[in-house]
Amino acid sequence: MNDFTTDELGILVSVFERAGVAEDGSAEGSLLMVIKSAHSERMELESMDFDDCAGGACKL
């Protein structure tokens, strides 16, 4: 399975928001919440400095 890139997830969030999809219990709203969560997690991962893990002293 192919994962979406951070940019692609951001585009999806933007498209849902421009379409006026509300974060509610609807199928569309639920999907928007999942996409926003995945985008947020991906952005956090990409902002981490993995050089902190050099030599086994990982600070994650």
PDB file of N, CA and C in Angstrom:
ATOM      1  N   MET A   1       0.849  -1.179   0.000  1.00  0.00           N
ATOM      2  CA  MET A   1       0.000   0.000   0.000  1.00  0.00           C
ATOM      3  C   MET A   1       0.892   1.238   0.000  1.00  0.00           C
ATOM      4  N   ASN A   2       0.532   2.207  -0.788  1.00  0.00           N
ATOM      5  CA  ASN A   2       1.293   3.446  -0.870  1.00  0.00           C
ATOM      6  C   ASN A   2       0.727   4.461   0.113  1.00  0.00           C
ATOM      7  N   ASP A   3       1.626   5.069   0.887  1.00  0.00           N
ATOM      8  CA  ASP A   3       1.223   6.121   1.806  1.00  0.00           C
ATOM      9  C   ASP A   3       1.275   7.457   1.087  1.00  0.00           C
ATOM     10  N   PHE A   4       0.426   8.368   1.528  1.00  0.00           N
ATOM     11  CA  PHE A   4       0.453   9.715   0.977  1.00  0.00           C
ATOM     12  C   PHE A   4       1.630  10.471   1.577  1.00  0.00           C
ATOM     13  N   THR A   5       2.216  11.374   0.800  1.00  0.00           N
ATOM     14  CA  THR A   5       3.273  12.231   1.317  1.00  0.00           C
ATOM     15  C   THR A   5       2.643  13.315   2.183  1.00  0.00           C
ATOM     16  N   THR A   6       3.490  14.036   2.907  1.00  0.00           N
ATOM     17  CA  THR A   6       2.998  15.133   3.736  1.00  0.00           C
ATOM     18  C   THR A   6       2.292  16.178   2.879  1.00  0.00           C
ATOM     19  N   ASP A   7       2.888  16.490   1.735  1.00  0.00           N
ATOM     20  CA  ASP A   7       2.267  17.472   0.835  1.00  0.00           C
ATOM     21  C   ASP A   7       0.914  16.990   0.326  1.00  0.00           C
ATOM     22  N   GLU A   8       0.827  15.724  -0.034  1.00  0.00           N
ATOM     23  CA  GLU A   8      -0.438  15.174  -0.533  1.00  0.00           C
ATOM     24  C   GLU A   8      -1.507  15.196   0.550  1.00  0.00           C
ATOM     25  N   LEU A   9      -1.134  14.878   1.787  1.00  0.00           N
ATOM     26  CA  LEU A   9      -2.097  14.938   2.891  1.00  0.00           C
ATOM     27  C   LEU A   9      -2.571  16.371   3.101  1.00  0.00           C
ATOM     28  N   GLY A  10      -1.651  17.326   2.997  1.00  0.00           N
ATOM     29  CA  GLY A  10      -2.021  18.734   3.134  1.00  0.00           C
ATOM     30  C   GLY A  10      -2.994  19.168   2.050  1.00  0.00           C
ATOM     31  N   ILE A  11      -2.768  18.688   0.849  1.00  0.00           N
ATOM     32  CA  ILE A  11      -3.671  19.003  -0.268  1.00  0.00           C
ATOM     33  C   ILE A  11      -5.056  18.418  -0.010  1.00  0.00           C
ATOM     34  N   LEU A  12      -5.095  17.194   0.470  1.00  0.00           N
ATOM     35  CA  LEU A  12      -6.389  16.569   0.776  1.00  0.00           C
ATOM     36  C   LEU A  12      -7.149  17.357   1.836  1.00  0.00           C
ATOM     37  N   VAL A  13      -6.453  17.770   2.891  1.00  0.00           N
ATOM     38  CA  VAL A  13      -7.097  18.581   3.933  1.00  0.00           C
ATOM     39  C   VAL A  13      -7.665  19.853   3.313  1.00  0.00           C
ATOM     40  N   SER A  14      -6.883  20.498   2.480  1.00  0.00           N
ATOM     41  CA  SER A  14      -7.309  21.733   1.826  1.00  0.00           C
ATOM     42  C   SER A  14      -8.553  21.514   0.959  1.00  0.00           C
ATOM     43  N   VAL A  15      -8.559  20.432   0.207  1.00  0.00           N
ATOM     44  CA  VAL A  15      -9.697  20.133  -0.670  1.00  0.00           C
ATOM     45  C   VAL A  15     -10.963  19.902   0.150  1.00  0.00           C
ATOM     46  N   PHE A  16     -10.847  19.130   1.219  1.00  0.00           N
ATOM     47  CA  PHE A  16     -12.011  18.874   2.076  1.00  0.00           C
ATOM     48  C   PHE A  16     -12.525  20.171   2.689  1.00  0.00           C
ATOM     49  N   GLU A  17     -11.604  21.031   3.142  1.00  0.00           N
ATOM     50  CA  GLU A  17     -12.027  22.284   3.760  1.00  0.00           C
ATOM     51  C   GLU A  17     -12.682  23.217   2.745  1.00  0.00           C
ATOM     52  N   ARG A  18     -12.130  23.291   1.530  1.00  0.00           N
ATOM     53  CA  ARG A  18     -12.741  24.128   0.489  1.00  0.00           C
ATOM     54  C   ARG A  18     -14.109  23.597   0.088  1.00  0.00           C
ATOM     55  N   ALA A  19     -14.300  22.294   0.217  1.00  0.00           N
ATOM     56  CA  ALA A  19     -15.599  21.700  -0.116  1.00  0.00           C
ATOM     57  C   ALA A  19     -16.616  21.913   1.000  1.00  0.00           C
ATOM     58  N   GLY A  20     -16.159  22.472   2.111  1.00  0.00           N
ATOM     59  CA  GLY A  20     -17.076  22.755   3.209  1.00  0.00           C
ATOM     60  C   GLY A  20     -17.419  21.546   4.058  1.00  0.00           C
ATOM     61  N   VAL A  21     -16.567  20.538   4.053  1.00  0.00           N
ATOM     62  CA  VAL A  21     -16.823  19.336   4.849  1.00  0.00           C
ATOM     63  C   VAL A  21     -16.572  19.660   6.315  1.00  0.00           C
ATOM     64  N   ALA A  22     -17.552  19.349   7.154  1.00  0.00           N
ATOM     65  CA  ALA A  22     -17.428  19.585   8.592  1.00  0.00           C
ATOM     66  C   ALA A  22     -16.886  18.332   9.273  1.00  0.00           C
ATOM     67  N   GLU A  23     -16.102  18.535  10.330  1.00  0.00           N
ATOM     68  CA  GLU A  23     -15.584  17.409  11.103  1.00  0.00           C
ATOM     69  C   GLU A  23     -16.698  16.914  12.028  1.00  0.00           C
ATOM     70  N   ASP A  24     -17.553  16.073  11.478  1.00  0.00           N
ATOM     71  CA  ASP A  24     -18.679  15.559  12.244  1.00  0.00           C
ATOM     72  C   ASP A  24     -18.741  14.044  12.089  1.00  0.00           C
ATOM     73  N   GLY A  25     -19.848  13.457  12.383  1.00  0.00           N
ATOM     74  CA  GLY A  25     -20.008  12.006  12.327  1.00  0.00           C
ATOM     75  C   GLY A  25     -20.284  11.459  10.938  1.00  0.00           C
ATOM     76  N   SER A  26     -20.368  12.338   9.940  1.00  0.00           N
ATOM     77  CA  SER A  26     -20.620  11.852   8.587  1.00  0.00           C
ATOM     78  C   SER A  26     -19.389  11.121   8.072  1.00  0.00           C
ATOM     79  N   ALA A  27     -19.562  10.353   7.017  1.00  0.00           N
ATOM     80  CA  ALA A  27     -18.444   9.614   6.425  1.00  0.00           C
ATOM     81  C   ALA A  27     -17.358  10.577   5.968  1.00  0.00           C
ATOM     82  N   GLU A  28     -17.770  11.682   5.347  1.00  0.00           N
ATOM     83  CA  GLU A  28     -16.808  12.669   4.866  1.00  0.00           C
ATOM     84  C   GLU A  28     -16.090  13.349   6.022  1.00  0.00           C
ATOM     85  N   GLY A  29     -16.847  13.701   7.053  1.00  0.00           N
ATOM     86  CA  GLY A  29     -16.274  14.356   8.229  1.00  0.00           C
ATOM     87  C   GLY A  29     -15.303  13.456   8.962  1.00  0.00           C
ATOM     88  N   SER A  30     -15.650  12.193   9.060  1.00  0.00           N
ATOM     89  CA  SER A  30     -14.762  11.225   9.709  1.00  0.00           C
ATOM     90  C   SER A  30     -13.467  11.051   8.923  1.00  0.00           C
ATOM     91  N   LEU A  31     -13.582  11.002   7.611  1.00  0.00           N
ATOM     92  CA  LEU A  31     -12.396  10.874   6.766  1.00  0.00           C
ATOM     93  C   LEU A  31     -11.515  12.111   6.886  1.00  0.00           C
ATOM     94  N   LEU A  32     -12.126  13.288   6.953  1.00  0.00           N
ATOM     95  CA  LEU A  32     -11.363  14.519   7.135  1.00  0.00           C
ATOM     96  C   LEU A  32     -10.584  14.477   8.441  1.00  0.00           C
ATOM     97  N   MET A  33     -11.194  14.001   9.502  1.00  0.00           N
ATOM     98  CA  MET A  33     -10.502  13.912  10.792  1.00  0.00           C
ATOM     99  C   MET A  33      -9.313  12.953  10.715  1.00  0.00           C
ATOM    100  N   VAL A  34      -9.483  11.831  10.022  1.00  0.00           N
ATOM    101  CA  VAL A  34      -8.396  10.854   9.865  1.00  0.00           C
ATOM    102  C   VAL A  34      -7.253  11.469   9.060  1.00  0.00           C
ATOM    103  N   ILE A  35      -7.588  12.163   7.997  1.00  0.00           N
ATOM    104  CA  ILE A  35      -6.568  12.781   7.141  1.00  0.00           C
ATOM    105  C   ILE A  35      -5.826  13.875   7.905  1.00  0.00           C
ATOM    106  N   LYS A  36      -6.551  14.698   8.667  1.00  0.00           N
ATOM    107  CA  LYS A  36      -5.912  15.756   9.453  1.00  0.00           C
ATOM    108  C   LYS A  36      -4.960  15.164  10.485  1.00  0.00           C
ATOM    109  N   SER A  37      -5.395  14.089  11.123  1.00  0.00           N
ATOM    110  CA  SER A  37      -4.553  13.426  12.124  1.00  0.00           C
ATOM    111  C   SER A  37      -3.288  12.869  11.485  1.00  0.00           C
ATOM    112  N   ALA A  38      -3.441  12.194  10.352  1.00  0.00           N
ATOM    113  CA  ALA A  38      -2.288  11.629   9.647  1.00  0.00           C
ATOM    114  C   ALA A  38      -1.334  12.729   9.200  1.00  0.00           C
ATOM    115  N   HIS A  39      -1.876  13.848   8.730  1.00  0.00           N
ATOM    116  CA  HIS A  39      -1.059  14.972   8.285  1.00  0.00           C
ATOM    117  C   HIS A  39      -0.276  15.551   9.460  1.00  0.00           C
ATOM    118  N   SER A  40      -0.934  15.732  10.572  1.00  0.00           N
ATOM    119  CA  SER A  40      -0.289  16.273  11.764  1.00  0.00           C
ATOM    120  C   SER A  40       0.837  15.358  12.249  1.00  0.00           C
ATOM    121  N   GLU A  41       0.564  14.059  12.293  1.00  0.00           N
ATOM    122  CA  GLU A  41       1.571  13.092  12.735  1.00  0.00           C
ATOM    123  C   GLU A  41       2.758  13.072  11.782  1.00  0.00           C
ATOM    124  N   ARG A  42       2.489  13.130  10.492  1.00  0.00           N
ATOM    125  CA  ARG A  42       3.564  13.111   9.494  1.00  0.00           C
ATOM    126  C   ARG A  42       4.427  14.364   9.612  1.00  0.00           C
ATOM    127  N   MET A  43       3.792  15.521   9.833  1.00  0.00           N
ATOM    128  CA  MET A  43       4.554  16.763   9.984  1.00  0.00           C
ATOM    129  C   MET A  43       5.438  16.709  11.227  1.00  0.00           C
ATOM    130  N   GLU A  44       4.911  16.141  12.304  1.00  0.00           N
ATOM    131  CA  GLU A  44       5.687  16.017  13.534  1.00  0.00           C
ATOM    132  C   GLU A  44       6.894  15.095  13.324  1.00  0.00           C
ATOM    133  N   LEU A  45       6.676  13.982  12.648  1.00  0.00           N
ATOM    134  CA  LEU A  45       7.774  13.056  12.372  1.00  0.00           C
ATOM    135  C   LEU A  45       8.862  13.715  11.538  1.00  0.00           C
ATOM    136  N   GLU A  46       8.451  14.462  10.523  1.00  0.00           N
ATOM    137  CA  GLU A  46       9.413  15.099   9.642  1.00  0.00           C
ATOM    138  C   GLU A  46      10.184  16.219  10.329  1.00  0.00           C
ATOM    139  N   SER A  47       9.630  16.774  11.399  1.00  0.00           N
ATOM    140  CA  SER A  47      10.312  17.862  12.096  1.00  0.00           C
ATOM    141  C   SER A  47      11.296  17.355  13.142  1.00  0.00           C
ATOM    142  N   MET A  48      11.272  16.049  13.428  1.00  0.00           N
ATOM    143  CA  MET A  48      12.168  15.490  14.434  1.00  0.00           C
ATOM    144  C   MET A  48      13.594  15.441  13.913  1.00  0.00           C
ATOM    145  N   ASP A  49      14.527  15.655  14.811  1.00  0.00           N
ATOM    146  CA  ASP A  49      15.943  15.611  14.470  1.00  0.00           C
ATOM    147  C   ASP A  49      16.493  14.255  14.888  1.00  0.00           C
ATOM    148  N   PHE A  50      16.639  13.363  13.937  1.00  0.00           N
ATOM    149  CA  PHE A  50      17.076  12.016  14.245  1.00  0.00           C
ATOM    150  C   PHE A  50      18.572  11.934  14.533  1.00  0.00           C
ATOM    151  N   ASP A  51      19.291  13.038  14.390  1.00  0.00           N
ATOM    152  CA  ASP A  51      20.699  13.059  14.782  1.00  0.00           C
ATOM    153  C   ASP A  51      20.833  12.884  16.289  1.00  0.00           C
ATOM    154  N   ASP A  52      19.764  13.181  17.037  1.00  0.00           N
ATOM    155  CA  ASP A  52      19.777  12.988  18.486  1.00  0.00           C
ATOM    156  C   ASP A  52      19.903  11.514  18.856  1.00  0.00           C
ATOM    157  N   CYS A  53      19.661  10.625  17.903  1.00  0.00           N
ATOM    158  CA  CYS A  53      19.701   9.198  18.178  1.00  0.00           C
ATOM    159  C   CYS A  53      21.080   8.587  17.912  1.00  0.00           C
ATOM    160  N   ALA A  54      22.018   9.371  17.470  1.00  0.00           N
ATOM    161  CA  ALA A  54      23.346   8.860  17.169  1.00  0.00           C
ATOM    162  C   ALA A  54      23.987   8.297  18.432  1.00  0.00           C
ATOM    163  N   GLY A  55      24.600   7.141  18.308  1.00  0.00           N
ATOM    164  CA  GLY A  55      25.276   6.521  19.435  1.00  0.00           C
ATOM    165  C   GLY A  55      24.354   5.866  20.432  1.00  0.00           C
ATOM    166  N   GLY A  56      23.108   5.674  20.080  1.00  0.00           N
ATOM    167  CA  GLY A  56      22.168   4.965  20.950  1.00  0.00           C
ATOM    168  C   GLY A  56      21.538   5.832  22.028  1.00  0.00           C
ATOM    169  N   ALA A  57      21.797   7.125  22.007  1.00  0.00           N
ATOM    170  CA  ALA A  57      21.232   8.024  23.027  1.00  0.00           C
ATOM    171  C   ALA A  57      20.004   8.730  22.454  1.00  0.00           C
ATOM    172  N   CYS A  58      19.036   7.964  22.043  1.00  0.00           N
ATOM    173  CA  CYS A  58      17.862   8.518  21.393  1.00  0.00           C
ATOM    174  C   CYS A  58      16.979   9.249  22.401  1.00  0.00           C
ATOM    175  N   LYS A  59      16.538  10.452  22.007  1.00  0.00           N
ATOM    176  CA  LYS A  59      15.719  11.286  22.879  1.00  0.00           C
ATOM    177  C   LYS A  59      14.285  11.347  22.396  1.00  0.00           C
ATOM    178  N   LEU A  60      13.868  10.370  21.625  1.00  0.00           N
ATOM    179  CA  LEU A  60      12.509  10.369  21.123  1.00  0.00           C
ATOM    180  C   LEU A  60      11.607   9.970  22.250  1.00  0.00           C
TER     181      LEU A  60
END
